[in-house]
Amino acid sequence: MTEDAEVVARVAWSALAEPGDSGAGALVGALGAARALELVYAEASGRGGAVVRACVGAVAPDELLGLQATVDAGLRRWGPRLDRTEVARAVERAEAVGATLLVPGDPDWPERTADLGDHAPLVLWCRGRGAPVFERPTLAVVGARANTLAGAEAAAEITSSAADDGCAVVSGGAYGIDAVAHRVAIAAGAPTVAVLAGGIDQLYPVGHVELLRNVSRQGMLLAESPPGTRPTRWRFLARNRMIAAMGDAVVVVEAAARSGALNTANHAAQLGRPVFAVPGAFSSPASVGCHRLVADRRAELAVEPSDPARAALGFHAGTDSQEPVPLRSSVEDPDVVRVLDALGRRPIGDLEAARRSGLSVAAAADALALAELQGLVRRQRDGWTVA
């Protein structure tokens, strides 16, 4: 199998599967992207058991049954997206914005994402590519969108200290603390990376288009989903695992009781990354999540602005001994989140909801039914809409 065929197959997989799809990751890891893709198309066309037969002798016999279950479940998710033209479309859209493709082994590939195991990205679309960013220690700085002035000042001091120590800064390009981190890194001349929740051609939020372009000039914009993919709440949550994995340490500067920053902190703790929190006043809604992280011993209190950067330096050098912390599950059903993200102003049916959300048709229908019981969606004669 040629190297080009493997790269093309990885792009195809990124269009078939949603970010973090462990079934896709497991098959690509076991068989290679091209062979796995070929066999999945064979199974979809009626050649049942093609994947398992290919793995006989390479996989323990007691794992073959589980492998077939993985394939069957995956086909229900990937079936609505089995369109071979998606690769060409993705490449055209990437070329239109001057984006390039990264795969594992490339000099700019963030090697720490391998810690995600089967949930690791298969490809990354990139705008920027200066000096190799991930050869440096990397600090992920996240926090509240509706931050306080004190929170912005804390984020600026922490980022400035990280830049002085030679760290790259990773964040999500959002309003609030993310924006502070990117702007301070740019002003300090430090490489900074923004991980997008949609395609590399979807600069979001719109108010940060110029900021994100500046990030690409001094560092990198990275996206896991193919160009043309719109950012959704589910993809923001999936994106957070990438920010956590790319950082040698993570600091949360203010976070509400329920926020994406806490989701990033939980991923980081699960991966064994050092996690720091910078809460504000007890009475501030923007700090409830940070206080809880510290109280639950999921994060250390950042006492000095240099604490997170020092931890990143230690982790990068292999001298940190942080133990992984079990990930706390979300109170929201993830499939419901995904189908809600898939709905627009016009009614859509179960099949289109499955295609947009990356779920199987059956799982999408179940999630829509559950959302209907919760009063979140409304069934109309021609499809589903948000209630």
Protein backbone atom coordinates (compact mmCIF):
# COMPACT_ATOMS: atom_id res chain seq x y z
CA MET A 1 0.00 0.00 0.00
CA THR A 2 1.51 3.34 -1.03
CA GLU A 3 2.01 6.22 1.37
CA ASP A 4 -0.28 8.41 -0.79
CA ALA A 5 -3.06 5.81 -0.54
CA GLU A 6 -2.75 5.85 3.25
CA VAL A 7 -3.01 9.65 3.35
CA VAL A 8 -6.05 9.69 1.04
CA ALA A 9 -7.68 7.00 3.16
CA ARG A 10 -7.08 9.00 6.35
CA VAL A 11 -8.81 11.99 4.75
CA ALA A 12 -11.71 9.72 3.80
CA TRP A 13 -11.91 8.42 7.37
CA SER A 14 -12.00 11.98 8.72
CA ALA A 15 -15.07 12.60 6.54
CA LEU A 16 -16.72 9.31 7.54
CA ALA A 17 -16.23 9.51 11.30
CA GLU A 18 -16.77 12.27 13.81
CA PRO A 19 -13.73 13.47 15.79
CA GLY A 20 -12.70 10.99 18.47
CA ASP A 21 -14.57 8.00 16.98
CA SER A 22 -12.82 5.13 18.75
CA GLY A 23 -14.18 2.52 16.34
CA ALA A 24 -12.55 4.23 13.39
CA GLY A 25 -9.36 4.75 15.38
CA ALA A 26 -9.20 1.07 16.38
CA LEU A 27 -9.65 -0.16 12.80
CA VAL A 28 -7.08 2.23 11.38
CA GLY A 29 -4.65 1.27 14.13
CA ALA A 30 -5.09 -2.44 13.46
CA LEU A 31 -5.24 -2.51 9.67
CA GLY A 32 -3.93 0.80 8.38
CA ALA A 33 -6.21 3.49 6.99
CA ALA A 34 -6.39 2.26 3.39
CA ARG A 35 -6.99 -1.42 4.16
CA ALA A 36 -9.53 -0.59 6.87
CA LEU A 37 -11.41 1.72 4.49
CA GLU A 38 -11.45 -0.90 1.73
CA LEU A 39 -12.83 -3.54 4.08
CA VAL A 40 -15.48 -1.23 5.54
CA TYR A 41 -16.75 -0.47 2.03
CA ALA A 42 -16.77 -4.22 1.38
CA GLU A 43 -18.87 -4.82 4.50
CA ALA A 44 -21.22 -1.98 3.55
CA SER A 45 -21.75 -3.61 0.15
CA GLY A 46 -22.80 -6.89 1.75
CA ARG A 47 -19.55 -8.81 2.32
CA GLY A 48 -20.17 -9.42 6.00
CA GLY A 49 -17.18 -10.40 8.12
CA ALA A 50 -14.57 -8.93 5.74
CA VAL A 51 -12.78 -7.06 8.52
CA VAL A 52 -12.70 -10.03 10.89
CA ARG A 53 -11.38 -12.37 8.19
CA ALA A 54 -8.58 -9.90 7.46
CA CYS A 55 -7.64 -9.85 11.14
CA VAL A 56 -7.51 -13.61 11.70
CA GLY A 57 -4.03 -14.38 12.97
CA ALA A 58 -3.30 -10.72 13.73
CA VAL A 59 -5.87 -10.37 16.53
CA ALA A 60 -6.43 -12.70 19.47
CA PRO A 61 -9.36 -15.07 18.78
CA ASP A 62 -11.34 -13.85 21.79
CA GLU A 63 -11.12 -10.28 20.40
CA LEU A 64 -12.60 -11.09 16.99
CA LEU A 65 -16.20 -11.09 18.21
CA GLY A 66 -15.73 -7.68 19.77
CA LEU A 67 -14.10 -6.47 16.56
CA GLN A 68 -17.14 -7.48 14.53
CA ALA A 69 -19.39 -5.63 16.98
CA THR A 70 -17.18 -2.55 16.56
CA VAL A 71 -17.52 -2.77 12.77
CA ASP A 72 -21.29 -3.29 12.89
CA ALA A 73 -21.78 -0.33 15.22
CA GLY A 74 -19.42 1.77 13.12
CA LEU A 75 -21.23 1.01 9.89
CA ARG A 76 -24.46 2.25 11.43
CA ARG A 77 -22.71 5.56 12.16
CA TRP A 78 -20.69 5.82 8.96
CA GLY A 79 -23.30 4.47 6.55
CA PRO A 80 -25.00 7.84 5.88
CA ARG A 81 -21.59 9.30 4.91
CA LEU A 82 -20.22 6.60 2.60
CA ASP A 83 -19.57 9.05 -0.23
CA ARG A 84 -16.25 8.70 -2.08
CA THR A 85 -16.44 12.26 -3.45
CA GLU A 86 -15.87 13.80 -0.01
CA VAL A 87 -12.08 13.51 -0.26
CA ALA A 88 -11.90 15.64 -3.41
CA ARG A 89 -14.25 18.22 -1.90
CA ALA A 90 -12.18 18.45 1.27
CA VAL A 91 -8.95 18.95 -0.68
CA GLU A 92 -10.54 21.65 -2.88
CA ARG A 93 -11.84 23.55 0.13
CA ALA A 94 -8.48 23.30 1.89
CA GLU A 95 -6.63 24.60 -1.17
CA ALA A 96 -9.06 27.53 -1.40
CA VAL A 97 -7.86 28.85 1.98
CA GLY A 98 -4.23 27.80 1.64
CA ALA A 99 -4.50 24.98 4.18
CA THR A 100 -2.25 21.94 4.26
CA LEU A 101 -2.74 18.41 5.54
CA LEU A 102 -0.87 16.87 8.46
CA VAL A 103 -0.68 13.16 9.24
CA PRO A 104 1.17 11.29 11.99
CA GLY A 105 4.90 11.40 11.32
CA ASP A 106 4.92 14.89 9.77
CA PRO A 107 7.36 17.33 11.44
CA ASP A 108 4.50 19.59 12.60
CA TRP A 109 2.31 16.75 13.90
CA PRO A 110 1.52 17.08 17.65
CA GLU A 111 2.92 13.76 18.86
CA ARG A 112 1.24 14.03 22.29
CA THR A 113 -2.17 13.44 20.67
CA ALA A 114 -1.14 9.76 20.51
CA ASP A 115 -1.98 9.69 24.24
CA LEU A 116 -5.63 9.74 23.18
CA GLY A 117 -5.29 6.16 21.93
CA ASP A 118 -8.15 5.11 19.64
CA HIS A 119 -9.63 8.60 20.13
CA ALA A 120 -6.59 10.28 18.54
CA PRO A 121 -7.04 12.35 15.37
CA LEU A 122 -6.45 10.63 12.03
CA VAL A 123 -5.52 13.82 10.17
CA LEU A 124 -5.22 17.52 10.96
CA TRP A 125 -5.81 20.40 8.59
CA CYS A 126 -3.40 23.26 9.16
CA ARG A 127 -3.03 26.93 8.33
CA GLY A 128 0.28 28.48 9.32
CA ARG A 129 3.19 26.08 9.83
CA GLY A 130 6.12 28.16 11.01
CA ALA A 131 8.95 26.62 13.02
CA PRO A 132 7.88 23.27 14.51
CA VAL A 133 5.62 24.38 17.36
CA PHE A 134 5.35 21.12 19.25
CA GLU A 135 9.08 20.69 19.75
CA ARG A 136 8.64 23.29 22.50
CA PRO A 137 6.96 22.80 25.88
CA THR A 138 3.31 23.70 25.37
CA LEU A 139 0.86 25.31 27.80
CA ALA A 140 -2.89 25.10 27.16
CA VAL A 141 -4.68 28.19 28.47
CA VAL A 142 -8.49 28.03 28.61
CA GLY A 143 -11.22 29.64 30.64
CA ALA A 144 -14.41 31.64 30.75
CA ARG A 145 -15.80 33.42 27.72
CA ALA A 146 -17.50 35.96 30.00
CA ASN A 147 -14.39 36.53 32.08
CA THR A 148 -13.79 39.28 34.62
CA LEU A 149 -11.09 41.94 34.32
CA ALA A 150 -9.13 40.14 37.05
CA GLY A 151 -9.38 36.91 35.05
CA ALA A 152 -8.06 38.59 31.91
CA GLU A 153 -5.14 40.05 33.87
CA ALA A 154 -4.33 36.62 35.36
CA ALA A 155 -4.46 34.94 31.95
CA ALA A 156 -2.19 37.63 30.51
CA GLU A 157 0.40 37.20 33.29
CA ILE A 158 0.36 33.40 32.98
CA THR A 159 0.72 33.53 29.19
CA SER A 160 3.47 36.13 29.37
CA SER A 161 5.38 33.99 31.86
CA ALA A 162 4.97 30.93 29.61
CA ALA A 163 6.28 32.91 26.63
CA ASP A 164 9.29 34.05 28.66
CA ASP A 165 10.02 30.41 29.50
CA GLY A 166 9.98 29.41 25.82
CA CYS A 167 6.56 27.73 25.80
CA ALA A 168 4.09 27.61 22.94
CA VAL A 169 0.50 28.47 23.90
CA VAL A 170 -2.51 26.41 22.82
CA SER A 171 -6.14 27.49 23.14
CA GLY A 172 -9.44 27.41 21.27
CA GLY A 173 -9.76 30.86 19.69
CA ALA A 174 -12.95 31.65 21.61
CA TYR A 175 -14.00 34.91 23.22
CA GLY A 176 -12.72 35.67 26.71
CA ILE A 177 -9.68 33.90 28.17
CA ASP A 178 -8.81 32.09 24.92
CA ALA A 179 -8.51 35.42 23.12
CA VAL A 180 -6.37 36.91 25.89
CA ALA A 181 -3.97 33.97 25.71
CA HIS A 182 -3.60 34.18 21.92
CA ARG A 183 -3.15 37.97 21.89
CA VAL A 184 -0.55 37.98 24.65
CA ALA A 185 1.38 35.14 23.00
CA ILE A 186 1.38 37.03 19.69
CA ALA A 187 2.55 40.24 21.40
CA ALA A 188 5.32 38.29 23.17
CA GLY A 189 6.48 36.64 19.95
CA ALA A 190 5.63 33.13 21.19
CA PRO A 191 4.13 30.47 18.89
CA THR A 192 0.42 30.01 19.53
CA VAL A 193 -2.01 27.38 18.27
CA ALA A 194 -5.79 27.67 17.95
CA VAL A 195 -7.68 24.37 17.66
CA LEU A 196 -10.93 24.85 15.73
CA ALA A 197 -14.17 22.98 16.31
CA GLY A 198 -15.19 23.03 12.64
CA GLY A 199 -13.33 22.88 9.37
CA ILE A 200 -10.12 24.81 8.75
CA ASP A 201 -12.09 27.14 6.47
CA GLN A 202 -14.63 27.92 9.20
CA LEU A 203 -13.03 30.73 11.24
CA TYR A 204 -15.25 30.95 14.31
CA PRO A 205 -16.34 33.06 16.10
CA VAL A 206 -16.78 35.58 13.30
CA GLY A 207 -15.59 38.37 15.56
CA HIS A 208 -12.21 36.64 15.81
CA VAL A 209 -11.46 36.20 12.11
CA GLU A 210 -8.59 38.69 12.22
CA LEU A 211 -7.24 37.27 15.49
CA LEU A 212 -7.26 33.75 14.06
CA ARG A 213 -5.46 34.95 10.95
CA ASN A 214 -2.83 36.51 13.20
CA VAL A 215 -2.52 33.19 15.04
CA SER A 216 -1.88 31.44 11.72
CA ARG A 217 0.88 33.94 10.89
CA GLN A 218 2.78 33.32 14.13
CA GLY A 219 1.74 29.76 14.88
CA MET A 220 -0.92 27.40 13.58
CA LEU A 221 -4.64 26.94 13.15
CA LEU A 222 -5.53 23.25 13.41
CA ALA A 223 -8.79 21.46 12.62
CA GLU A 224 -9.61 17.78 12.82
CA SER A 225 -12.85 17.81 10.81
CA PRO A 226 -12.67 18.18 7.01
CA PRO A 227 -12.95 21.66 5.48
CA GLY A 228 -16.58 22.68 5.13
CA THR A 229 -17.59 21.16 8.49
CA ARG A 230 -19.49 23.66 10.60
CA PRO A 231 -18.65 24.06 14.29
CA THR A 232 -21.26 22.56 16.61
CA ARG A 233 -21.54 22.10 20.35
CA TRP A 234 -20.60 18.42 20.08
CA ARG A 235 -17.51 19.25 18.04
CA PHE A 236 -16.46 21.89 20.56
CA LEU A 237 -16.50 19.19 23.23
CA ALA A 238 -14.52 16.82 21.00
CA ARG A 239 -12.08 19.64 20.21
CA ASN A 240 -11.38 20.10 23.92
CA ARG A 241 -9.75 16.68 24.19
CA MET A 242 -7.28 17.85 21.52
CA ILE A 243 -6.37 21.01 23.42
CA ALA A 244 -5.82 18.91 26.55
CA ALA A 245 -3.66 16.37 24.71
CA MET A 246 -1.53 19.00 22.96
CA GLY A 247 -0.68 20.77 26.20
CA ASP A 248 2.14 19.65 28.47
CA ALA A 249 0.05 21.34 31.16
CA VAL A 250 -3.38 22.99 31.26
CA VAL A 251 -4.49 26.07 33.19
CA VAL A 252 -8.14 27.09 33.59
CA VAL A 253 -8.59 30.79 34.29
CA GLU A 254 -12.13 31.25 35.58
CA ALA A 255 -14.84 28.80 34.58
CA ALA A 256 -18.55 28.65 35.26
CA ALA A 257 -20.22 25.62 36.84
CA ARG A 258 -20.70 24.11 33.38
CA SER A 259 -18.22 25.16 30.73
CA GLY A 260 -16.02 23.90 27.93
CA ALA A 261 -12.97 24.84 29.98
CA LEU A 262 -13.96 22.31 32.66
CA ASN A 263 -14.41 19.71 29.95
CA THR A 264 -10.85 20.43 28.79
CA ALA A 265 -9.58 20.15 32.38
CA ASN A 266 -11.28 16.78 32.82
CA HIS A 267 -9.67 15.46 29.63
CA ALA A 268 -6.30 16.76 30.77
CA ALA A 269 -6.64 15.07 34.15
CA GLN A 270 -7.58 11.80 32.49
CA LEU A 271 -4.48 12.06 30.29
CA GLY A 272 -2.28 12.71 33.32
CA ARG A 273 -1.47 16.31 32.42
CA PRO A 274 -0.78 18.81 35.21
CA VAL A 275 -3.93 20.94 35.65
CA PHE A 276 -4.07 24.35 37.32
CA ALA A 277 -7.02 26.57 38.20
CA VAL A 278 -7.22 30.32 38.73
CA PRO A 279 -10.55 31.08 40.41
CA GLY A 280 -11.86 34.50 41.32
CA ALA A 281 -14.18 35.55 44.12
CA PHE A 282 -16.52 33.00 45.71
CA SER A 283 -19.46 35.16 44.62
CA SER A 284 -18.42 35.23 40.94
CA PRO A 285 -20.43 32.89 38.67
CA ALA A 286 -17.37 32.84 36.39
CA SER A 287 -15.35 31.06 39.08
CA VAL A 288 -17.64 28.33 40.41
CA GLY A 289 -16.09 25.70 38.14
CA CYS A 290 -12.52 26.56 39.12
CA HIS A 291 -13.35 26.43 42.83
CA ARG A 292 -14.89 23.00 42.27
CA LEU A 293 -11.82 21.75 40.37
CA VAL A 294 -9.60 22.66 43.29
CA ALA A 295 -12.02 21.34 45.92
CA ASP A 296 -12.29 18.00 44.09
CA ARG A 297 -8.48 17.86 43.77
CA ARG A 298 -8.73 17.82 40.01
CA ALA A 299 -6.54 20.89 39.73
CA GLU A 300 -3.83 22.66 41.69
CA LEU A 301 -4.27 26.28 42.65
CA ALA A 302 -1.95 28.48 40.60
CA VAL A 303 -0.20 30.54 43.28
CA GLU A 304 2.29 32.29 40.96
CA PRO A 305 1.87 33.18 37.25
CA SER A 306 4.87 30.98 36.49
CA ASP A 307 3.44 27.81 38.08
CA PRO A 308 1.64 26.43 34.98
CA ALA A 309 4.63 27.09 32.70
CA ARG A 310 7.01 25.40 35.12
CA ALA A 311 4.74 22.34 35.16
CA ALA A 312 4.66 22.32 31.35
CA LEU A 313 8.46 22.44 31.25
CA GLY A 314 8.66 19.55 33.71
CA PHE A 315 6.12 17.41 31.86
CA HIS A 316 7.81 18.08 28.51
CA ALA A 317 11.14 17.01 30.01
CA GLY A 318 9.57 13.87 31.48
CA THR A 319 10.10 14.85 35.11
CA ASP A 320 6.43 15.31 36.08
CA SER A 321 4.70 12.38 37.82
CA GLN A 322 1.07 13.49 37.53
CA GLU A 323 -1.31 10.52 37.84
CA PRO A 324 -4.37 10.26 35.58
CA VAL A 325 -7.71 11.14 37.20
CA PRO A 326 -10.92 9.34 36.20
CA LEU A 327 -12.99 11.46 33.84
CA ARG A 328 -16.28 12.66 35.27
CA SER A 329 -19.17 11.87 32.98
CA SER A 330 -21.41 14.60 31.57
CA VAL A 331 -24.94 15.03 32.82
CA GLU A 332 -26.10 15.47 29.20
CA ASP A 333 -26.65 12.59 26.82
CA PRO A 334 -23.92 13.06 24.18
CA ASP A 335 -26.10 11.67 21.37
CA VAL A 336 -28.82 14.21 22.21
CA VAL A 337 -26.20 16.98 22.06
CA ARG A 338 -25.11 15.77 18.63
CA VAL A 339 -28.58 15.58 17.09
CA LEU A 340 -29.49 19.00 18.51
CA ASP A 341 -26.38 20.40 16.83
CA ALA A 342 -27.47 18.76 13.57
CA LEU A 343 -30.87 20.47 13.46
CA GLY A 344 -31.32 23.74 11.60
CA ARG A 345 -34.14 26.08 10.77
CA ARG A 346 -35.63 23.69 8.22
CA PRO A 347 -37.01 20.29 9.25
CA ILE A 348 -34.77 17.28 8.54
CA GLY A 349 -35.42 13.57 8.72
CA ASP A 350 -33.68 10.80 10.67
CA LEU A 351 -31.27 9.97 7.82
CA GLU A 352 -30.08 13.56 7.40
CA ALA A 353 -29.78 13.95 11.19
CA ALA A 354 -27.59 10.83 11.24
CA ARG A 355 -25.41 12.10 8.39
CA ARG A 356 -24.86 15.49 10.02
CA SER A 357 -24.25 14.15 13.53
CA GLY A 358 -22.09 11.15 12.66
CA LEU A 359 -24.47 8.76 14.45
CA SER A 360 -26.14 5.67 13.06
CA VAL A 361 -29.69 6.19 11.82
CA ALA A 362 -31.01 4.13 14.74
CA ALA A 363 -28.97 6.08 17.31
CA ALA A 364 -30.05 9.39 15.79
CA ALA A 365 -33.70 8.33 15.91
CA ASP A 366 -33.36 7.26 19.56
CA ALA A 367 -31.65 10.54 20.46
CA LEU A 368 -34.34 12.57 18.70
CA ALA A 369 -37.04 10.65 20.55
CA LEU A 370 -35.30 11.32 23.87
CA ALA A 371 -34.89 15.00 22.97
CA GLU A 372 -38.60 15.13 22.13
CA LEU A 373 -39.48 13.76 25.57
CA GLN A 374 -37.32 16.50 27.10
CA GLY A 375 -39.11 19.15 25.06
CA LEU A 376 -35.97 20.03 23.09
CA VAL A 377 -37.16 19.13 19.59
CA ARG A 378 -40.44 19.03 17.75
CA ARG A 379 -41.55 16.42 15.22
CA GLN A 380 -43.24 17.88 12.16
CA ARG A 381 -44.74 16.22 9.13
CA ASP A 382 -41.58 16.75 7.07
CA GLY A 383 -38.96 16.19 9.78
CA TRP A 384 -37.49 17.44 13.04
CA THR A 385 -36.83 20.98 14.24
CA VAL A 386 -35.59 22.51 17.47
CA ALA A 387 -38.49 23.22 19.82
